[in-house]
């Protein structure tokens, strides 16, 4: 992706919401599930590509559990890309993608690949009690819901790539690195669907949501201590929201320790997990003196690559700004990676 798009992307990382209006006539197709699919005018010009667009499809009963979907015209079920937005789990929306990735979406549709973008429940600014598993489990359900309606959307549910930036990137990795979270005995047929995917492509990701590992692994070069992090009010407030705890004094409890293990993507990452494409090149490779640098530092990508290489998982990785520390010799782009994972066996 070019530099101008990177600049737009980072500007959106902490934006609240971007709204896209669609003024059009609607056509309704009745399906066999709980709601109709209503096709409407896309949020940007598809430039003649034969595809349909539907917005605000509910995948759960919460206010923000909605997704938009682009479906190419096809006689055969198509693969699908699912995008998860960023915003630190406290802001952002599914519409964010339209201002900087319309070209990519058109490329997928031209290659007979569907595209969905989801919103999820945000963390409360104060008094958060569930923590980061709340939005991440929403995203997991979105994947399962889309799979449960594969026939309605004419998609091949065995060919799915997850993608996202910042919080959406970390969520994509968390879903992909977990063992299959399907529950075959659940009364809800959505939750019986698989959560395994064909690949993951992420920008400006975090390597793990176990903050202890930021100290021991991600930022080991800088000698940062846990006390330095949790004593900083700007970080400690983020940590309490992350784990759904009342105060930072609850950080070292057994309950939080178990929670940290549940959201430790590095620990979850094993040899049977899918190939990853990772790009953390927007922040300078310096001591993480503020939250933006800390959350999107090149060393998050470095840690993921090191882990992938150790366990033998293929990866395409780029990280570092002034200097570039690593650029995959293949030069494979974001869209090329996604298309390869979805169109080759």
C-alpha atoms as a PDB file:
ATOM      1  CA  UNK A   1       0.000   0.000   0.000  1.00  0.00           C
ATOM      2  CA  UNK A   2       1.346   3.433  -0.862  1.00  0.00           C
ATOM      3  CA  UNK A   3       2.483   6.129   1.583  1.00  0.00           C
ATOM      4  CA  UNK A   4      -0.563   8.346   1.173  1.00  0.00           C
ATOM      5  CA  UNK A   5      -2.885   5.518   2.135  1.00  0.00           C
ATOM      6  CA  UNK A   6      -0.702   4.758   5.174  1.00  0.00           C
ATOM      7  CA  UNK A   7      -1.105   8.365   6.311  1.00  0.00           C
ATOM      8  CA  UNK A   8      -4.853   8.166   5.955  1.00  0.00           C
ATOM      9  CA  UNK A   9      -4.897   4.864   7.801  1.00  0.00           C
ATOM     10  CA  UNK A  10      -3.018   6.145  10.822  1.00  0.00           C
ATOM     11  CA  UNK A  11      -5.246   9.204  10.950  1.00  0.00           C
ATOM     12  CA  UNK A  12      -8.204   6.857  11.238  1.00  0.00           C
ATOM     13  CA  UNK A  13      -6.812   4.640  13.961  1.00  0.00           C
ATOM     14  CA  UNK A  14      -8.402   6.666  16.736  1.00  0.00           C
ATOM     15  CA  UNK A  15     -11.209   8.369  14.859  1.00  0.00           C
ATOM     16  CA  UNK A  16     -14.656   8.078  16.347  1.00  0.00           C
ATOM     17  CA  UNK A  17     -16.834   7.302  13.333  1.00  0.00           C
ATOM     18  CA  UNK A  18     -17.125   7.973   9.648  1.00  0.00           C
ATOM     19  CA  UNK A  19     -20.634   7.806   8.286  1.00  0.00           C
ATOM     20  CA  UNK A  20     -21.410   6.905   4.690  1.00  0.00           C
ATOM     21  CA  UNK A  21     -24.840   7.673   3.278  1.00  0.00           C
ATOM     22  CA  UNK A  22     -26.509   5.738   0.510  1.00  0.00           C
ATOM     23  CA  UNK A  23     -29.469   7.383  -1.219  1.00  0.00           C
ATOM     24  CA  UNK A  24     -31.028   4.870  -3.529  1.00  0.00           C
ATOM     25  CA  UNK A  25     -33.884   2.615  -4.355  1.00  0.00           C
ATOM     26  CA  UNK A  26     -33.691  -0.669  -2.515  1.00  0.00           C
ATOM     27  CA  UNK A  27     -34.439  -4.132  -3.817  1.00  0.00           C
ATOM     28  CA  UNK A  28     -35.221  -6.879  -1.351  1.00  0.00           C
ATOM     29  CA  UNK A  29     -34.418 -10.539  -1.748  1.00  0.00           C
ATOM     30  CA  UNK A  30     -36.148 -12.846   0.721  1.00  0.00           C
ATOM     31  CA  UNK A  31     -33.835 -15.428   2.213  1.00  0.00           C
ATOM     32  CA  UNK A  32     -34.335 -18.405   4.468  1.00  0.00           C
ATOM     33  CA  UNK A  33     -32.752 -16.862   7.573  1.00  0.00           C
ATOM     34  CA  UNK A  34     -34.032 -14.423  10.177  1.00  0.00           C
ATOM     35  CA  UNK A  35     -33.992 -11.355   7.968  1.00  0.00           C
ATOM     36  CA  UNK A  36     -34.075 -10.210   4.384  1.00  0.00           C
ATOM     37  CA  UNK A  37     -31.031  -9.108   2.434  1.00  0.00           C
ATOM     38  CA  UNK A  38     -31.615  -5.595   1.116  1.00  0.00           C
ATOM     39  CA  UNK A  39     -29.346  -4.517  -1.722  1.00  0.00           C
ATOM     40  CA  UNK A  40     -28.682  -0.825  -2.113  1.00  0.00           C
ATOM     41  CA  UNK A  41     -26.274   1.620  -3.747  1.00  0.00           C
ATOM     42  CA  UNK A  42     -22.652   1.027  -2.669  1.00  0.00           C
ATOM     43  CA  UNK A  43     -20.846   3.732  -0.669  1.00  0.00           C
ATOM     44  CA  UNK A  44     -18.455   4.328  -3.586  1.00  0.00           C
ATOM     45  CA  UNK A  45     -18.443   3.792  -7.336  1.00  0.00           C
ATOM     46  CA  UNK A  46     -17.767   0.176  -8.325  1.00  0.00           C
ATOM     47  CA  UNK A  47     -16.674   1.388 -11.782  1.00  0.00           C
ATOM     48  CA  UNK A  48     -18.810  -1.061 -13.696  1.00  0.00           C
ATOM     49  CA  UNK A  49     -17.994  -4.158 -11.635  1.00  0.00           C
ATOM     50  CA  UNK A  50     -20.977  -6.521 -11.516  1.00  0.00           C
ATOM     51  CA  UNK A  51     -21.563  -6.765  -7.775  1.00  0.00           C
ATOM     52  CA  UNK A  52     -24.225  -6.040  -5.155  1.00  0.00           C
ATOM     53  CA  UNK A  53     -23.968  -4.264  -1.802  1.00  0.00           C
ATOM     54  CA  UNK A  54     -25.973  -4.685   1.383  1.00  0.00           C
ATOM     55  CA  UNK A  55     -25.525  -2.647   4.559  1.00  0.00           C
ATOM     56  CA  UNK A  56     -26.286  -2.923   8.257  1.00  0.00           C
ATOM     57  CA  UNK A  57     -26.959  -6.649   8.397  1.00  0.00           C
ATOM     58  CA  UNK A  58     -27.310  -7.679  12.042  1.00  0.00           C
ATOM     59  CA  UNK A  59     -25.198 -10.616  13.184  1.00  0.00           C
ATOM     60  CA  UNK A  60     -26.350 -10.327  16.815  1.00  0.00           C
ATOM     61  CA  UNK A  61     -28.888  -8.321  18.822  1.00  0.00           C
ATOM     62  CA  UNK A  62     -26.536  -5.605  20.141  1.00  0.00           C
ATOM     63  CA  UNK A  63     -26.589  -2.061  18.805  1.00  0.00           C
ATOM     64  CA  UNK A  64     -23.259  -2.224  16.957  1.00  0.00           C
ATOM     65  CA  UNK A  65     -23.204  -5.843  15.833  1.00  0.00           C
ATOM     66  CA  UNK A  66     -23.716  -5.021  12.157  1.00  0.00           C
ATOM     67  CA  UNK A  67     -21.841  -5.640   8.935  1.00  0.00           C
ATOM     68  CA  UNK A  68     -21.863  -4.500   5.311  1.00  0.00           C
ATOM     69  CA  UNK A  69     -21.163  -6.896   2.463  1.00  0.00           C
ATOM     70  CA  UNK A  70     -20.178  -6.682  -1.210  1.00  0.00           C
ATOM     71  CA  UNK A  71     -21.069  -9.709  -3.316  1.00  0.00           C
ATOM     72  CA  UNK A  72     -19.668 -10.232  -6.823  1.00  0.00           C
ATOM     73  CA  UNK A  73     -21.995 -11.712  -9.414  1.00  0.00           C
ATOM     74  CA  UNK A  74     -20.974 -15.359  -9.707  1.00  0.00           C
ATOM     75  CA  UNK A  75     -22.375 -18.719 -10.715  1.00  0.00           C
ATOM     76  CA  UNK A  76     -20.185 -20.355  -8.083  1.00  0.00           C
ATOM     77  CA  UNK A  77     -19.705 -19.681  -4.360  1.00  0.00           C
ATOM     78  CA  UNK A  78     -16.994 -17.063  -3.877  1.00  0.00           C
ATOM     79  CA  UNK A  79     -14.254 -16.639  -1.266  1.00  0.00           C
ATOM     80  CA  UNK A  80     -14.607 -13.720   1.157  1.00  0.00           C
ATOM     81  CA  UNK A  81     -12.458 -11.134   2.947  1.00  0.00           C
ATOM     82  CA  UNK A  82     -13.732  -9.921   6.338  1.00  0.00           C
ATOM     83  CA  UNK A  83     -12.405  -6.574   7.598  1.00  0.00           C
ATOM     84  CA  UNK A  84     -12.320  -5.593  11.302  1.00  0.00           C
ATOM     85  CA  UNK A  85     -11.835  -1.883  12.013  1.00  0.00           C
ATOM     86  CA  UNK A  86      -9.419  -0.252  14.440  1.00  0.00           C
ATOM     87  CA  UNK A  87      -9.847   2.472  17.031  1.00  0.00           C
ATOM     88  CA  UNK A  88      -8.365   1.080  20.222  1.00  0.00           C
ATOM     89  CA  UNK A  89     -11.583  -0.882  20.908  1.00  0.00           C
ATOM     90  CA  UNK A  90     -13.144   2.428  21.979  1.00  0.00           C
ATOM     91  CA  UNK A  91     -13.999   4.051  18.626  1.00  0.00           C
ATOM     92  CA  UNK A  92     -14.286   3.388  14.913  1.00  0.00           C
ATOM     93  CA  UNK A  93     -16.854   1.783  12.660  1.00  0.00           C
ATOM     94  CA  UNK A  94     -17.244  -0.562   9.723  1.00  0.00           C
ATOM     95  CA  UNK A  95     -17.551   2.431   7.372  1.00  0.00           C
ATOM     96  CA  UNK A  96     -13.984   3.584   8.056  1.00  0.00           C
ATOM     97  CA  UNK A  97     -12.652   1.306   5.350  1.00  0.00           C
ATOM     98  CA  UNK A  98     -14.483   3.082   2.549  1.00  0.00           C
ATOM     99  CA  UNK A  99     -12.401   6.252   2.687  1.00  0.00           C
ATOM    100  CA  UNK A 100      -9.067   4.537   2.066  1.00  0.00           C
ATOM    101  CA  UNK A 101      -9.604   1.074   0.623  1.00  0.00           C
ATOM    102  CA  UNK A 102     -12.196   1.392  -2.131  1.00  0.00           C
ATOM    103  CA  UNK A 103      -9.592   0.392  -4.732  1.00  0.00           C
ATOM    104  CA  UNK A 104      -8.798  -2.779  -2.813  1.00  0.00           C
ATOM    105  CA  UNK A 105     -12.450  -3.719  -2.484  1.00  0.00           C
ATOM    106  CA  UNK A 106     -12.913  -3.245  -6.231  1.00  0.00           C
ATOM    107  CA  UNK A 107      -9.864  -5.462  -6.797  1.00  0.00           C
ATOM    108  CA  UNK A 108     -11.368  -8.260  -4.685  1.00  0.00           C
ATOM    109  CA  UNK A 109     -14.704  -8.032  -6.483  1.00  0.00           C
ATOM    110  CA  UNK A 110     -12.933  -8.100  -9.858  1.00  0.00           C
ATOM    111  CA  UNK A 111     -11.249 -11.316  -8.727  1.00  0.00           C
ATOM    112  CA  UNK A 112     -14.594 -12.860  -7.752  1.00  0.00           C
ATOM    113  CA  UNK A 113     -13.992 -12.359  -4.024  1.00  0.00           C
ATOM    114  CA  UNK A 114     -16.682 -11.046  -1.672  1.00  0.00           C
ATOM    115  CA  UNK A 115     -15.898  -8.437   0.985  1.00  0.00           C
ATOM    116  CA  UNK A 116     -17.499  -7.745   4.365  1.00  0.00           C
ATOM    117  CA  UNK A 117     -16.719  -5.083   6.962  1.00  0.00           C
ATOM    118  CA  UNK A 118     -17.993  -5.376  10.531  1.00  0.00           C
ATOM    119  CA  UNK A 119     -18.630  -3.192  13.553  1.00  0.00           C
ATOM    120  CA  UNK A 120     -18.525  -4.520  17.114  1.00  0.00           C
ATOM    121  CA  UNK A 121     -19.349  -3.491  20.674  1.00  0.00           C
ATOM    122  CA  UNK A 122     -16.875  -0.933  22.015  1.00  0.00           C
ATOM    123  CA  UNK A 123     -15.269  -0.866  25.442  1.00  0.00           C
ATOM    124  CA  UNK A 124     -16.790   1.597  27.892  1.00  0.00           C
ATOM    125  CA  UNK A 125     -14.673   4.656  28.636  1.00  0.00           C
ATOM    126  CA  UNK A 126     -15.339   4.138  32.339  1.00  0.00           C
ATOM    127  CA  UNK A 127     -16.572   1.159  34.278  1.00  0.00           C
ATOM    128  CA  UNK A 128     -15.743  -1.483  31.661  1.00  0.00           C
ATOM    129  CA  UNK A 129     -16.372  -4.912  33.206  1.00  0.00           C
ATOM    130  CA  UNK A 130     -15.902  -7.409  30.364  1.00  0.00           C
ATOM    131  CA  UNK A 131     -12.685  -6.259  28.753  1.00  0.00           C
ATOM    132  CA  UNK A 132     -11.321  -6.880  25.292  1.00  0.00           C
ATOM    133  CA  UNK A 133     -12.976 -10.285  24.967  1.00  0.00           C
ATOM    134  CA  UNK A 134     -16.280  -8.430  24.504  1.00  0.00           C
ATOM    135  CA  UNK A 135     -15.465  -6.886  21.098  1.00  0.00           C
ATOM    136  CA  UNK A 136     -13.300  -9.825  20.044  1.00  0.00           C
ATOM    137  CA  UNK A 137     -16.104 -12.312  20.688  1.00  0.00           C
ATOM    138  CA  UNK A 138     -18.414 -10.072  18.676  1.00  0.00           C
ATOM    139  CA  UNK A 139     -15.997 -10.290  15.753  1.00  0.00           C
ATOM    140  CA  UNK A 140     -15.799 -14.060  16.164  1.00  0.00           C
ATOM    141  CA  UNK A 141     -19.575 -14.272  15.984  1.00  0.00           C
ATOM    142  CA  UNK A 142     -19.627 -12.078  12.876  1.00  0.00           C
ATOM    143  CA  UNK A 143     -17.359 -14.584  11.127  1.00  0.00           C
ATOM    144  CA  UNK A 144     -19.556 -17.465  12.246  1.00  0.00           C
ATOM    145  CA  UNK A 145     -22.763 -15.666  11.251  1.00  0.00           C
ATOM    146  CA  UNK A 146     -21.486 -14.946   7.749  1.00  0.00           C
ATOM    147  CA  UNK A 147     -20.515 -18.591   7.427  1.00  0.00           C
ATOM    148  CA  UNK A 148     -23.952 -19.684   8.670  1.00  0.00           C
ATOM    149  CA  UNK A 149     -25.513 -17.780   5.742  1.00  0.00           C
ATOM    150  CA  UNK A 150     -23.055 -18.959   3.110  1.00  0.00           C
ATOM    151  CA  UNK A 151     -25.853 -20.122   0.812  1.00  0.00           C
ATOM    152  CA  UNK A 152     -27.672 -16.774   1.083  1.00  0.00           C
ATOM    153  CA  UNK A 153     -24.514 -14.831   0.250  1.00  0.00           C
ATOM    154  CA  UNK A 154     -23.226 -17.365  -2.315  1.00  0.00           C
ATOM    155  CA  UNK A 155     -19.879 -17.599  -0.522  1.00  0.00           C
ATOM    156  CA  UNK A 156     -17.482 -20.487  -0.036  1.00  0.00           C
ATOM    157  CA  UNK A 157     -17.153 -20.599   3.739  1.00  0.00           C
ATOM    158  CA  UNK A 158     -13.985 -22.690   3.504  1.00  0.00           C
ATOM    159  CA  UNK A 159     -12.140 -19.735   1.935  1.00  0.00           C
ATOM    160  CA  UNK A 160     -12.011 -16.797   4.336  1.00  0.00           C
ATOM    161  CA  UNK A 161      -9.265 -14.259   5.040  1.00  0.00           C
ATOM    162  CA  UNK A 162      -9.478 -11.954   8.054  1.00  0.00           C
ATOM    163  CA  UNK A 163      -7.956  -8.500   7.877  1.00  0.00           C
ATOM    164  CA  UNK A 164      -7.853  -5.341   9.964  1.00  0.00           C
ATOM    165  CA  UNK A 165      -5.726  -2.591  11.438  1.00  0.00           C
ATOM    166  CA  UNK A 166      -4.753  -1.809  15.034  1.00  0.00           C
ATOM    167  CA  UNK A 167      -7.448  -3.291  17.292  1.00  0.00           C
ATOM    168  CA  UNK A 168      -9.000  -5.012  14.284  1.00  0.00           C
ATOM    169  CA  UNK A 169      -5.611  -6.489  13.424  1.00  0.00           C
ATOM    170  CA  UNK A 170      -5.134  -7.896  16.901  1.00  0.00           C
ATOM    171  CA  UNK A 171      -8.659  -9.289  16.848  1.00  0.00           C
ATOM    172  CA  UNK A 172      -8.011 -10.962  13.492  1.00  0.00           C
ATOM    173  CA  UNK A 173      -4.903 -12.643  14.907  1.00  0.00           C
ATOM    174  CA  UNK A 174      -6.729 -13.704  18.075  1.00  0.00           C
ATOM    175  CA  UNK A 175      -9.445 -15.451  16.066  1.00  0.00           C
ATOM    176  CA  UNK A 176      -6.979 -17.044  13.648  1.00  0.00           C
ATOM    177  CA  UNK A 177      -4.568 -18.300  16.304  1.00  0.00           C
ATOM    178  CA  UNK A 178      -7.192 -19.884  18.531  1.00  0.00           C
ATOM    179  CA  UNK A 179      -8.111 -23.499  17.982  1.00  0.00           C
ATOM    180  CA  UNK A 180     -11.483 -23.850  16.306  1.00  0.00           C
ATOM    181  CA  UNK A 181     -13.979 -22.106  18.601  1.00  0.00           C
ATOM    182  CA  UNK A 182     -17.040 -23.738  17.060  1.00  0.00           C
ATOM    183  CA  UNK A 183     -19.427 -25.323  19.559  1.00  0.00           C
ATOM    184  CA  UNK A 184     -21.117 -28.259  17.863  1.00  0.00           C
ATOM    185  CA  UNK A 185     -23.629 -28.738  20.670  1.00  0.00           C
ATOM    186  CA  UNK A 186     -24.696 -25.100  21.009  1.00  0.00           C
ATOM    187  CA  UNK A 187     -28.399 -24.349  20.620  1.00  0.00           C
ATOM    188  CA  UNK A 188     -27.446 -21.343  18.484  1.00  0.00           C
ATOM    189  CA  UNK A 189     -26.609 -22.636  14.994  1.00  0.00           C
ATOM    190  CA  UNK A 190     -24.348 -19.626  14.375  1.00  0.00           C
ATOM    191  CA  UNK A 191     -21.992 -20.718  17.138  1.00  0.00           C
ATOM    192  CA  UNK A 192     -21.693 -24.187  15.617  1.00  0.00           C
ATOM    193  CA  UNK A 193     -19.768 -22.682  12.681  1.00  0.00           C
ATOM    194  CA  UNK A 194     -15.986 -22.942  12.408  1.00  0.00           C
ATOM    195  CA  UNK A 195     -13.682 -20.018  13.231  1.00  0.00           C
ATOM    196  CA  UNK A 196     -10.697 -21.317  11.283  1.00  0.00           C
ATOM    197  CA  UNK A 197      -9.556 -19.200   8.319  1.00  0.00           C
ATOM    198  CA  UNK A 198      -7.295 -19.402   5.283  1.00  0.00           C
ATOM    199  CA  UNK A 199      -5.066 -16.457   6.134  1.00  0.00           C
ATOM    200  CA  UNK A 200      -4.702 -13.185   8.022  1.00  0.00           C
ATOM    201  CA  UNK A 201      -3.474  -9.808   6.713  1.00  0.00           C
ATOM    202  CA  UNK A 202      -2.966  -7.046   9.276  1.00  0.00           C
ATOM    203  CA  UNK A 203      -1.671  -3.486   9.608  1.00  0.00           C
ATOM    204  CA  UNK A 204      -0.279  -1.791  12.716  1.00  0.00           C
ATOM    205  CA  UNK A 205      -1.085  -4.728  14.911  1.00  0.00           C
ATOM    206  CA  UNK A 206      -0.348  -5.636  18.480  1.00  0.00           C
ATOM    207  CA  UNK A 207       1.430  -8.962  18.946  1.00  0.00           C
ATOM    208  CA  UNK A 208      -0.459  -9.870  22.117  1.00  0.00           C
ATOM    209  CA  UNK A 209      -2.871  -8.423  24.650  1.00  0.00           C
ATOM    210  CA  UNK A 210      -0.903  -9.917  27.520  1.00  0.00           C
ATOM    211  CA  UNK A 211       0.816  -6.731  28.706  1.00  0.00           C
ATOM    212  CA  UNK A 212       3.402  -8.773  30.617  1.00  0.00           C
ATOM    213  CA  UNK A 213       4.769  -9.925  27.258  1.00  0.00           C
ATOM    214  CA  UNK A 214       5.097  -6.359  26.045  1.00  0.00           C
ATOM    215  CA  UNK A 215       7.609  -6.007  28.857  1.00  0.00           C
ATOM    216  CA  UNK A 216       9.423  -9.337  28.515  1.00  0.00           C
ATOM    217  CA  UNK A 217       9.314  -9.798  24.739  1.00  0.00           C
ATOM    218  CA  UNK A 218       8.001  -6.999  22.518  1.00  0.00           C
ATOM    219  CA  UNK A 219       9.921  -4.118  24.148  1.00  0.00           C
ATOM    220  CA  UNK A 220      12.733  -6.065  25.746  1.00  0.00           C
ATOM    221  CA  UNK A 221      15.286  -3.879  23.908  1.00  0.00           C
ATOM    222  CA  UNK A 222      14.241  -0.840  25.923  1.00  0.00           C
ATOM    223  CA  UNK A 223      14.311  -2.321  29.411  1.00  0.00           C
ATOM    224  CA  UNK A 224      10.812  -1.113  30.233  1.00  0.00           C
ATOM    225  CA  UNK A 225       9.444  -2.339  33.544  1.00  0.00           C
ATOM    226  CA  UNK A 226       5.881  -3.265  34.369  1.00  0.00           C
ATOM    227  CA  UNK A 227       5.818  -0.622  37.109  1.00  0.00           C
ATOM    228  CA  UNK A 228       6.671   2.054  34.546  1.00  0.00           C
ATOM    229  CA  UNK A 229       3.699   1.026  32.441  1.00  0.00           C
ATOM    230  CA  UNK A 230       1.041   0.548  35.093  1.00  0.00           C
ATOM    231  CA  UNK A 231       2.064   3.678  37.006  1.00  0.00           C
ATOM    232  CA  UNK A 232       1.501   5.842  33.920  1.00  0.00           C
ATOM    233  CA  UNK A 233      -2.132   7.067  34.059  1.00  0.00           C
ATOM    234  CA  UNK A 234      -2.476   7.140  30.261  1.00  0.00           C
ATOM    235  CA  UNK A 235      -1.516   3.470  30.092  1.00  0.00           C
ATOM    236  CA  UNK A 236      -3.154   2.221  33.272  1.00  0.00           C
ATOM    237  CA  UNK A 237      -6.598   3.448  32.190  1.00  0.00           C
ATOM    238  CA  UNK A 238      -6.215   1.512  28.942  1.00  0.00           C
ATOM    239  CA  UNK A 239      -5.133  -1.601  30.842  1.00  0.00           C
ATOM    240  CA  UNK A 240      -8.130  -1.532  33.190  1.00  0.00           C
ATOM    241  CA  UNK A 241     -10.467  -1.318  30.190  1.00  0.00           C
ATOM    242  CA  UNK A 242      -8.513  -4.042  28.398  1.00  0.00           C
ATOM    243  CA  UNK A 243      -9.093  -6.540  31.206  1.00  0.00           C
ATOM    244  CA  UNK A 244     -12.381  -5.173  32.554  1.00  0.00           C
ATOM    245  CA  UNK A 245     -11.023  -4.487  36.032  1.00  0.00           C
ATOM    246  CA  UNK A 246     -11.996  -1.636  38.405  1.00  0.00           C
ATOM    247  CA  UNK A 247      -8.483  -0.368  39.133  1.00  0.00           C
ATOM    248  CA  UNK A 248      -4.907  -1.098  38.177  1.00  0.00           C
ATOM    249  CA  UNK A 249      -4.396  -2.612  41.641  1.00  0.00           C
ATOM    250  CA  UNK A 250      -6.387  -5.617  40.390  1.00  0.00           C
ATOM    251  CA  UNK A 251      -3.804  -6.312  37.682  1.00  0.00           C
ATOM    252  CA  UNK A 252      -1.919  -9.068  39.514  1.00  0.00           C
ATOM    253  CA  UNK A 253      -4.913 -11.157  40.570  1.00  0.00           C
ATOM    254  CA  UNK A 254      -5.304 -14.796  39.481  1.00  0.00           C
ATOM    255  CA  UNK A 255      -8.408 -13.843  37.479  1.00  0.00           C
ATOM    256  CA  UNK A 256      -6.510 -11.273  35.431  1.00  0.00           C
ATOM    257  CA  UNK A 257      -3.617 -13.680  34.966  1.00  0.00           C
ATOM    258  CA  UNK A 258      -6.025 -16.193  33.420  1.00  0.00           C
ATOM    259  CA  UNK A 259      -7.569 -13.451  31.285  1.00  0.00           C
ATOM    260  CA  UNK A 260      -4.136 -12.399  29.987  1.00  0.00           C
ATOM    261  CA  UNK A 261      -3.453 -15.964  28.868  1.00  0.00           C
ATOM    262  CA  UNK A 262      -6.781 -16.042  27.017  1.00  0.00           C
ATOM    263  CA  UNK A 263      -5.842 -12.964  24.959  1.00  0.00           C
ATOM    264  CA  UNK A 264      -2.165 -13.799  24.435  1.00  0.00           C
ATOM    265  CA  UNK A 265      -1.977 -14.266  20.671  1.00  0.00           C
ATOM    266  CA  UNK A 266       1.707 -15.181  20.828  1.00  0.00           C
ATOM    267  CA  UNK A 267       0.947 -18.067  23.161  1.00  0.00           C
ATOM    268  CA  UNK A 268      -1.989 -19.152  21.008  1.00  0.00           C
ATOM    269  CA  UNK A 269       0.080 -19.064  17.785  1.00  0.00           C
ATOM    270  CA  UNK A 270       0.940 -22.657  16.832  1.00  0.00           C
ATOM    271  CA  UNK A 271       2.190 -24.564  13.805  1.00  0.00           C
ATOM    272  CA  UNK A 272      -1.306 -25.407  12.531  1.00  0.00           C
ATOM    273  CA  UNK A 273      -2.319 -21.758  12.207  1.00  0.00           C
ATOM    274  CA  UNK A 274      -2.716 -19.953   8.860  1.00  0.00           C
ATOM    275  CA  UNK A 275      -0.127 -17.904   7.003  1.00  0.00           C
ATOM    276  CA  UNK A 276       0.065 -14.254   8.060  1.00  0.00           C
ATOM    277  CA  UNK A 277       0.845 -10.948   6.312  1.00  0.00           C
ATOM    278  CA  UNK A 278       1.944  -8.260   8.777  1.00  0.00           C
ATOM    279  CA  UNK A 279       2.877  -4.619   8.199  1.00  0.00           C
ATOM    280  CA  UNK A 280       3.944  -2.264  11.032  1.00  0.00           C
ATOM    281  CA  UNK A 281       5.765   0.573   9.269  1.00  0.00           C
ATOM    282  CA  UNK A 282       4.027   3.755  10.421  1.00  0.00           C
ATOM    283  CA  UNK A 283       5.833   4.463  13.701  1.00  0.00           C
ATOM    284  CA  UNK A 284       9.520   5.301  14.247  1.00  0.00           C
ATOM    285  CA  UNK A 285      11.605   2.568  15.815  1.00  0.00           C
ATOM    286  CA  UNK A 286      12.183   4.405  19.077  1.00  0.00           C
ATOM    287  CA  UNK A 287      11.472   4.062  22.776  1.00  0.00           C
ATOM    288  CA  UNK A 288       7.661   3.841  23.079  1.00  0.00           C
ATOM    289  CA  UNK A 289       7.155   7.182  24.810  1.00  0.00           C
ATOM    290  CA  UNK A 290       3.466   7.493  23.972  1.00  0.00           C
ATOM    291  CA  UNK A 291       0.492   5.244  23.380  1.00  0.00           C
ATOM    292  CA  UNK A 292       0.461   5.538  19.580  1.00  0.00           C
ATOM    293  CA  UNK A 293       4.064   4.387  19.295  1.00  0.00           C
ATOM    294  CA  UNK A 294       3.605   1.687  21.926  1.00  0.00           C
ATOM    295  CA  UNK A 295       0.484   0.183  20.373  1.00  0.00           C
ATOM    296  CA  UNK A 296       1.793   0.188  16.788  1.00  0.00           C
ATOM    297  CA  UNK A 297       5.520  -0.279  17.278  1.00  0.00           C
ATOM    298  CA  UNK A 298       7.546  -2.233  14.732  1.00  0.00           C
ATOM    299  CA  UNK A 299       8.558  -4.683  17.433  1.00  0.00           C
ATOM    300  CA  UNK A 300       5.020  -6.101  17.610  1.00  0.00           C
ATOM    301  CA  UNK A 301       5.481  -7.279  14.028  1.00  0.00           C
ATOM    302  CA  UNK A 302       9.023  -8.415  14.793  1.00  0.00           C
ATOM    303  CA  UNK A 303       7.719 -10.592  17.628  1.00  0.00           C
ATOM    304  CA  UNK A 304       5.061 -12.151  15.412  1.00  0.00           C
ATOM    305  CA  UNK A 305       7.610 -12.928  12.707  1.00  0.00           C
ATOM    306  CA  UNK A 306      10.039 -14.464  15.190  1.00  0.00           C
ATOM    307  CA  UNK A 307       7.282 -16.669  16.568  1.00  0.00           C
ATOM    308  CA  UNK A 308       6.079 -17.641  13.088  1.00  0.00           C
ATOM    309  CA  UNK A 309       9.604 -18.580  12.010  1.00  0.00           C
ATOM    310  CA  UNK A 310      10.170 -20.667  15.152  1.00  0.00           C
ATOM    311  CA  UNK A 311       6.966 -22.683  14.741  1.00  0.00           C
ATOM    312  CA  UNK A 312       7.232 -22.916  10.959  1.00  0.00           C
ATOM    313  CA  UNK A 313       4.259 -20.819   9.871  1.00  0.00           C
ATOM    314  CA  UNK A 314       4.733 -19.001   6.564  1.00  0.00           C
ATOM    315  CA  UNK A 315       4.642 -15.234   6.867  1.00  0.00           C
ATOM    316  CA  UNK A 316       5.077 -12.083   4.804  1.00  0.00           C
ATOM    317  CA  UNK A 317       6.284  -9.362   7.157  1.00  0.00           C
ATOM    318  CA  UNK A 318       7.293  -5.702   6.950  1.00  0.00           C
ATOM    319  CA  UNK A 319       8.261  -3.554   9.920  1.00  0.00           C
ATOM    320  CA  UNK A 320      10.170  -0.452  10.873  1.00  0.00           C
ATOM    321  CA  UNK A 321      10.186   3.233   9.978  1.00  0.00           C
ATOM    322  CA  UNK A 322      13.449   5.214   9.909  1.00  0.00           C
ATOM    323  CA  UNK A 323      14.947   2.669   9.622  1.00  0.00           C
ATOM    324  CA  UNK A 324      13.072  -0.124   7.884  1.00  0.00           C
ATOM    325  CA  UNK A 325      14.155  -3.138   9.903  1.00  0.00           C
ATOM    326  CA  UNK A 326      12.678  -5.902   7.785  1.00  0.00           C
ATOM    327  CA  UNK A 327      10.979  -6.104   4.386  1.00  0.00           C
ATOM    328  CA  UNK A 328       9.903  -9.476   3.077  1.00  0.00           C
ATOM    329  CA  UNK A 329      12.064 -10.391   0.065  1.00  0.00           C
ATOM    330  CA  UNK A 330       8.973 -11.443  -1.876  1.00  0.00           C
ATOM    331  CA  UNK A 331       7.658  -7.883  -1.891  1.00  0.00           C
ATOM    332  CA  UNK A 332       4.163  -9.350  -1.834  1.00  0.00           C
ATOM    333  CA  UNK A 333       1.508  -6.706  -1.304  1.00  0.00           C
ATOM    334  CA  UNK A 334      -1.512  -6.804   0.964  1.00  0.00           C
ATOM    335  CA  UNK A 335      -4.005  -7.436  -1.830  1.00  0.00           C
ATOM    336  CA  UNK A 336      -1.756  -9.922  -3.633  1.00  0.00           C
ATOM    337  CA  UNK A 337      -1.414 -11.939  -0.428  1.00  0.00           C
ATOM    338  CA  UNK A 338      -5.174 -12.007   0.135  1.00  0.00           C
ATOM    339  CA  UNK A 339      -5.935 -12.974  -3.455  1.00  0.00           C
ATOM    340  CA  UNK A 340      -3.287 -15.708  -3.361  1.00  0.00           C
ATOM    341  CA  UNK A 341      -4.698 -17.187  -0.155  1.00  0.00           C
ATOM    342  CA  UNK A 342      -8.240 -17.200  -1.526  1.00  0.00           C
ATOM    343  CA  UNK A 343      -7.713 -18.301  -5.118  1.00  0.00           C
ATOM    344  CA  UNK A 344      -4.958 -20.912  -4.919  1.00  0.00           C
ATOM    345  CA  UNK A 345      -5.269 -24.348  -3.346  1.00  0.00           C
END
